[in-house]
Amino acid sequence: MAENIFVKAKITGMQMADPITEEGQLDSVTWEDLPLTLRDDVIEISEEEPQEEEIFSHENDTAEEYEVSGGGLRVKGSFIRLNYDDLVKLVGGQKVNDRFHHSSSKLMLNKALRFNFKTGKEIIIPNAKGYVQTNLAVGYGGTSKFPFNFRCKKASETWDCDIIW
């Protein structure tokens, strides 16, 4: 049975940068702070179920071979308290005369992500590709949240790494 990775921790901040393609770049990356994350929506870094394939022959009832390919890691959570500049950067659209004009096109982001924890540790995802959605909660006591969903990709052809912690 495949081992699933599931991480939950309290964070002090989240940043993004351009994708990191070599291990030697880790110490020289310029990180940009991201908005606050919603505590009720735990940031979840989880491995999807791997795909399993059994290869059978006509002559035998049991499988001749068994192959497993990884499902990949995914990062999910939600941002809150975005300003117009944050919206343009994360959701797309544009800021015009102190108003935000939302785009009907989905903005795909390809970034490196870093999570800083209260313990002083950090998790770095060198190459993540995903999107941020808009869930506006208009009215008394409503919290507008912006769920994000990123798939962790291999850092590069020469660096086989999708997460560092």
Foldseek 3Di string as FASTA:
>chain_A
DDDKDKDFAAFPFKWKFAFDQDPVCVVVTDTDTAAAFDPVWTWIKIWDAWDKDFDPDPVDPHGPDIDTDTRFIKIKTKGFDDAQVNCCVAANAHQDPRDTDGDPDGDKDWIKMKTAGPVRDIKIFRTKIWHWAWDDDDDPPDTTIIMIMITFDQRHPVGRDGMDD
